[in-house]
Amino acid sequence: MHTTVQVLLPRQAPRTYDIAIGAGSLSSVPSLCVAMGKRRSVFVISDSRVASLYGHSLLEAMIEIGVDAVMLDFPAGERSKSPSVAHAL
């Protein structure tokens, strides 16, 4: 079970995106992507710690349903939460 939170980006033309939050949500990611119409390709963005734990299985699940998924990871830790790291991705 997950909760969906809609995020509004106020500085751009009216644009929103959804975030699914919940225990066990990882196994629902492929079906959520399909339900949202993301059938061709997606980027999975994660810190290196989470990517090392869950990235491989998530990418495999995405590929199994025909979604081309690419992992973009950044170093774990507070120093990586910066505009320069976001720009490098």
N, C-alpha and C. Protein backbone atom coordinates (compact mmCIF):
# COMPACT_ATOMS: atom_id res chain seq x y z
N MET A 1 0.85 -1.18 0.00
CA MET A 1 0.00 0.00 0.00
C MET A 1 0.90 1.24 0.00
N HIS A 2 0.52 2.22 -0.80
CA HIS A 2 1.29 3.45 -0.83
C HIS A 2 0.36 4.65 -0.88
N THR A 3 0.93 5.78 -0.56
CA THR A 3 0.24 7.06 -0.64
C THR A 3 0.88 7.86 -1.76
N THR A 4 0.08 8.53 -2.55
CA THR A 4 0.62 9.37 -3.63
C THR A 4 0.53 10.83 -3.21
N VAL A 5 1.66 11.52 -3.34
CA VAL A 5 1.75 12.94 -3.03
C VAL A 5 2.05 13.67 -4.32
N GLN A 6 1.28 14.70 -4.63
CA GLN A 6 1.51 15.48 -5.83
C GLN A 6 2.37 16.69 -5.50
N VAL A 7 3.43 16.89 -6.28
CA VAL A 7 4.35 18.01 -6.08
C VAL A 7 4.13 19.03 -7.19
N LEU A 8 3.96 20.28 -6.81
CA LEU A 8 3.78 21.37 -7.77
C LEU A 8 5.09 22.13 -7.89
N LEU A 9 5.54 22.33 -9.12
CA LEU A 9 6.75 23.11 -9.37
C LEU A 9 6.32 24.53 -9.71
N PRO A 10 6.34 25.46 -8.74
CA PRO A 10 5.77 26.79 -8.94
C PRO A 10 6.58 27.72 -9.83
N ARG A 11 7.86 27.49 -9.97
CA ARG A 11 8.68 28.43 -10.74
C ARG A 11 8.60 28.17 -12.24
N GLN A 12 8.08 27.06 -12.62
CA GLN A 12 7.96 26.74 -14.03
C GLN A 12 6.51 26.89 -14.45
N ALA A 13 6.26 26.72 -15.73
CA ALA A 13 4.87 26.68 -16.17
C ALA A 13 4.19 25.62 -15.31
N PRO A 14 2.92 25.78 -15.03
CA PRO A 14 2.26 24.83 -14.12
C PRO A 14 2.61 23.39 -14.48
N ARG A 15 3.32 22.77 -13.58
CA ARG A 15 3.78 21.40 -13.80
C ARG A 15 3.77 20.67 -12.47
N THR A 16 3.33 19.44 -12.50
CA THR A 16 3.30 18.64 -11.29
C THR A 16 3.89 17.27 -11.56
N TYR A 17 4.25 16.58 -10.51
CA TYR A 17 4.61 15.17 -10.61
C TYR A 17 4.21 14.49 -9.33
N ASP A 18 4.02 13.18 -9.43
CA ASP A 18 3.58 12.40 -8.28
C ASP A 18 4.74 11.63 -7.67
N ILE A 19 4.69 11.48 -6.35
CA ILE A 19 5.64 10.66 -5.61
C ILE A 19 4.82 9.62 -4.86
N ALA A 20 5.19 8.34 -5.02
CA ALA A 20 4.53 7.26 -4.28
C ALA A 20 5.38 6.93 -3.06
N ILE A 21 4.77 6.94 -1.88
CA ILE A 21 5.48 6.72 -0.63
C ILE A 21 4.80 5.58 0.12
N GLY A 22 5.60 4.64 0.64
CA GLY A 22 5.00 3.59 1.46
C GLY A 22 5.93 2.41 1.64
N ALA A 23 5.71 1.68 2.71
CA ALA A 23 6.48 0.47 2.97
C ALA A 23 6.18 -0.55 1.88
N GLY A 24 7.21 -1.15 1.33
CA GLY A 24 7.03 -2.16 0.30
C GLY A 24 6.72 -1.60 -1.07
N SER A 25 6.83 -0.29 -1.25
CA SER A 25 6.49 0.33 -2.53
C SER A 25 7.44 -0.06 -3.66
N LEU A 26 8.64 -0.48 -3.33
CA LEU A 26 9.61 -0.80 -4.36
C LEU A 26 9.08 -1.83 -5.34
N SER A 27 8.40 -2.84 -4.84
CA SER A 27 7.89 -3.88 -5.73
C SER A 27 6.78 -3.37 -6.65
N SER A 28 6.17 -2.22 -6.31
CA SER A 28 5.10 -1.66 -7.14
C SER A 28 5.61 -0.68 -8.19
N VAL A 29 6.88 -0.32 -8.14
CA VAL A 29 7.40 0.72 -9.04
C VAL A 29 7.16 0.39 -10.51
N PRO A 30 7.47 -0.82 -10.99
CA PRO A 30 7.23 -1.09 -12.41
C PRO A 30 5.76 -0.89 -12.81
N SER A 31 4.83 -1.41 -12.03
CA SER A 31 3.42 -1.25 -12.39
C SER A 31 2.96 0.20 -12.26
N LEU A 32 3.52 0.95 -11.30
CA LEU A 32 3.19 2.37 -11.18
C LEU A 32 3.66 3.14 -12.42
N CYS A 33 4.85 2.81 -12.91
CA CYS A 33 5.36 3.48 -14.11
C CYS A 33 4.47 3.22 -15.30
N VAL A 34 4.04 1.98 -15.47
CA VAL A 34 3.14 1.65 -16.57
C VAL A 34 1.81 2.38 -16.41
N ALA A 35 1.27 2.41 -15.19
CA ALA A 35 0.00 3.08 -14.94
C ALA A 35 0.09 4.58 -15.23
N MET A 36 1.27 5.16 -15.03
CA MET A 36 1.46 6.59 -15.28
C MET A 36 1.81 6.86 -16.74
N GLY A 37 1.87 5.82 -17.56
CA GLY A 37 2.16 5.99 -18.98
C GLY A 37 3.63 6.03 -19.30
N LYS A 38 4.48 5.67 -18.35
CA LYS A 38 5.93 5.67 -18.57
C LYS A 38 6.34 4.29 -19.08
N ARG A 39 6.04 4.01 -20.32
CA ARG A 39 6.27 2.67 -20.86
C ARG A 39 7.58 2.54 -21.62
N ARG A 40 8.19 3.62 -22.01
CA ARG A 40 9.37 3.52 -22.86
C ARG A 40 10.68 3.55 -22.07
N SER A 41 10.90 4.63 -21.36
CA SER A 41 12.17 4.74 -20.65
C SER A 41 12.01 5.62 -19.40
N VAL A 42 12.81 5.29 -18.40
CA VAL A 42 12.81 6.05 -17.15
C VAL A 42 14.22 6.15 -16.61
N PHE A 43 14.47 7.18 -15.84
CA PHE A 43 15.69 7.30 -15.06
C PHE A 43 15.34 7.03 -13.61
N VAL A 44 16.13 6.19 -12.97
CA VAL A 44 15.99 5.93 -11.55
C VAL A 44 17.12 6.68 -10.87
N ILE A 45 16.80 7.65 -10.02
CA ILE A 45 17.80 8.48 -9.37
C ILE A 45 17.85 8.11 -7.90
N SER A 46 19.07 7.79 -7.43
CA SER A 46 19.21 7.30 -6.06
C SER A 46 20.60 7.62 -5.54
N ASP A 47 20.73 7.65 -4.20
CA ASP A 47 22.09 7.74 -3.67
C ASP A 47 22.74 6.36 -3.78
N SER A 48 24.05 6.33 -3.67
CA SER A 48 24.81 5.09 -3.91
C SER A 48 24.46 3.99 -2.92
N ARG A 49 24.12 4.34 -1.71
CA ARG A 49 23.78 3.33 -0.70
C ARG A 49 22.48 2.61 -1.07
N VAL A 50 21.44 3.36 -1.37
CA VAL A 50 20.16 2.77 -1.74
C VAL A 50 20.29 2.03 -3.08
N ALA A 51 21.03 2.61 -4.02
CA ALA A 51 21.22 1.95 -5.31
C ALA A 51 21.90 0.60 -5.14
N SER A 52 22.88 0.52 -4.24
CA SER A 52 23.58 -0.76 -4.05
C SER A 52 22.67 -1.81 -3.43
N LEU A 53 21.70 -1.39 -2.63
CA LEU A 53 20.78 -2.32 -1.98
C LEU A 53 19.64 -2.76 -2.89
N TYR A 54 19.08 -1.84 -3.65
CA TYR A 54 17.84 -2.10 -4.37
C TYR A 54 17.89 -1.85 -5.88
N GLY A 55 18.92 -1.18 -6.35
CA GLY A 55 18.97 -0.76 -7.75
C GLY A 55 18.91 -1.88 -8.76
N HIS A 56 19.70 -2.92 -8.56
CA HIS A 56 19.75 -4.01 -9.53
C HIS A 56 18.40 -4.69 -9.68
N SER A 57 17.76 -5.03 -8.58
CA SER A 57 16.46 -5.72 -8.66
C SER A 57 15.39 -4.82 -9.27
N LEU A 58 15.44 -3.52 -8.99
CA LEU A 58 14.47 -2.60 -9.58
C LEU A 58 14.68 -2.50 -11.09
N LEU A 59 15.92 -2.35 -11.53
CA LEU A 59 16.18 -2.26 -12.97
C LEU A 59 15.75 -3.54 -13.68
N GLU A 60 16.02 -4.69 -13.09
CA GLU A 60 15.60 -5.96 -13.69
C GLU A 60 14.08 -6.03 -13.82
N ALA A 61 13.37 -5.61 -12.78
CA ALA A 61 11.91 -5.64 -12.82
C ALA A 61 11.37 -4.71 -13.91
N MET A 62 12.01 -3.57 -14.08
CA MET A 62 11.58 -2.62 -15.11
C MET A 62 11.80 -3.21 -16.51
N ILE A 63 12.96 -3.81 -16.70
CA ILE A 63 13.29 -4.40 -18.00
C ILE A 63 12.34 -5.55 -18.32
N GLU A 64 11.96 -6.34 -17.31
CA GLU A 64 11.04 -7.46 -17.51
C GLU A 64 9.70 -7.03 -18.09
N ILE A 65 9.24 -5.82 -17.74
CA ILE A 65 7.96 -5.36 -18.28
C ILE A 65 8.14 -4.47 -19.51
N GLY A 66 9.37 -4.39 -20.03
CA GLY A 66 9.62 -3.67 -21.26
C GLY A 66 9.94 -2.20 -21.11
N VAL A 67 10.28 -1.76 -19.92
CA VAL A 67 10.65 -0.36 -19.71
C VAL A 67 12.18 -0.27 -19.69
N ASP A 68 12.73 0.60 -20.52
CA ASP A 68 14.17 0.83 -20.55
C ASP A 68 14.51 1.73 -19.37
N ALA A 69 15.18 1.17 -18.36
CA ALA A 69 15.49 1.92 -17.14
C ALA A 69 16.99 2.10 -16.99
N VAL A 70 17.39 3.30 -16.60
CA VAL A 70 18.79 3.64 -16.39
C VAL A 70 18.96 4.17 -14.97
N MET A 71 19.94 3.66 -14.26
CA MET A 71 20.21 4.11 -12.88
C MET A 71 21.20 5.26 -12.91
N LEU A 72 20.84 6.35 -12.27
CA LEU A 72 21.74 7.48 -12.05
C LEU A 72 21.93 7.57 -10.55
N ASP A 73 23.16 7.35 -10.10
CA ASP A 73 23.37 7.43 -8.66
C ASP A 73 24.41 8.48 -8.32
N PHE A 74 24.35 8.93 -7.09
CA PHE A 74 25.26 9.95 -6.58
C PHE A 74 25.74 9.49 -5.21
N PRO A 75 26.87 10.02 -4.74
CA PRO A 75 27.40 9.59 -3.44
C PRO A 75 26.40 9.82 -2.31
N ALA A 76 26.32 8.86 -1.42
CA ALA A 76 25.44 8.99 -0.26
C ALA A 76 25.97 10.07 0.68
N GLY A 77 25.08 10.72 1.41
CA GLY A 77 25.49 11.70 2.41
C GLY A 77 24.98 13.10 2.12
N GLU A 78 25.03 13.91 3.14
CA GLU A 78 24.51 15.27 3.06
C GLU A 78 25.24 16.14 2.04
N ARG A 79 26.53 15.92 1.85
CA ARG A 79 27.29 16.74 0.89
C ARG A 79 26.77 16.60 -0.53
N SER A 80 26.13 15.48 -0.82
CA SER A 80 25.62 15.25 -2.17
C SER A 80 24.28 15.92 -2.43
N LYS A 81 23.66 16.45 -1.40
CA LYS A 81 22.38 17.12 -1.57
C LYS A 81 22.64 18.58 -1.93
N SER A 82 23.07 18.77 -3.17
CA SER A 82 23.47 20.11 -3.59
C SER A 82 23.13 20.33 -5.07
N PRO A 83 23.02 21.59 -5.47
CA PRO A 83 22.76 21.88 -6.89
C PRO A 83 23.85 21.35 -7.81
N SER A 84 25.10 21.35 -7.38
CA SER A 84 26.18 20.88 -8.25
C SER A 84 26.06 19.39 -8.54
N VAL A 85 25.66 18.60 -7.54
CA VAL A 85 25.47 17.17 -7.77
C VAL A 85 24.25 16.93 -8.65
N ALA A 86 23.18 17.67 -8.42
CA ALA A 86 21.99 17.55 -9.27
C ALA A 86 22.32 17.89 -10.71
N HIS A 87 23.11 18.92 -10.91
CA HIS A 87 23.50 19.32 -12.27
C HIS A 87 24.35 18.23 -12.95
N ALA A 88 25.22 17.59 -12.17
CA ALA A 88 26.09 16.55 -12.73
C ALA A 88 25.29 15.33 -13.20
N LEU A 89 24.14 15.09 -12.59
CA LEU A 89 23.31 13.95 -13.00
C LEU A 89 22.76 14.20 -14.38
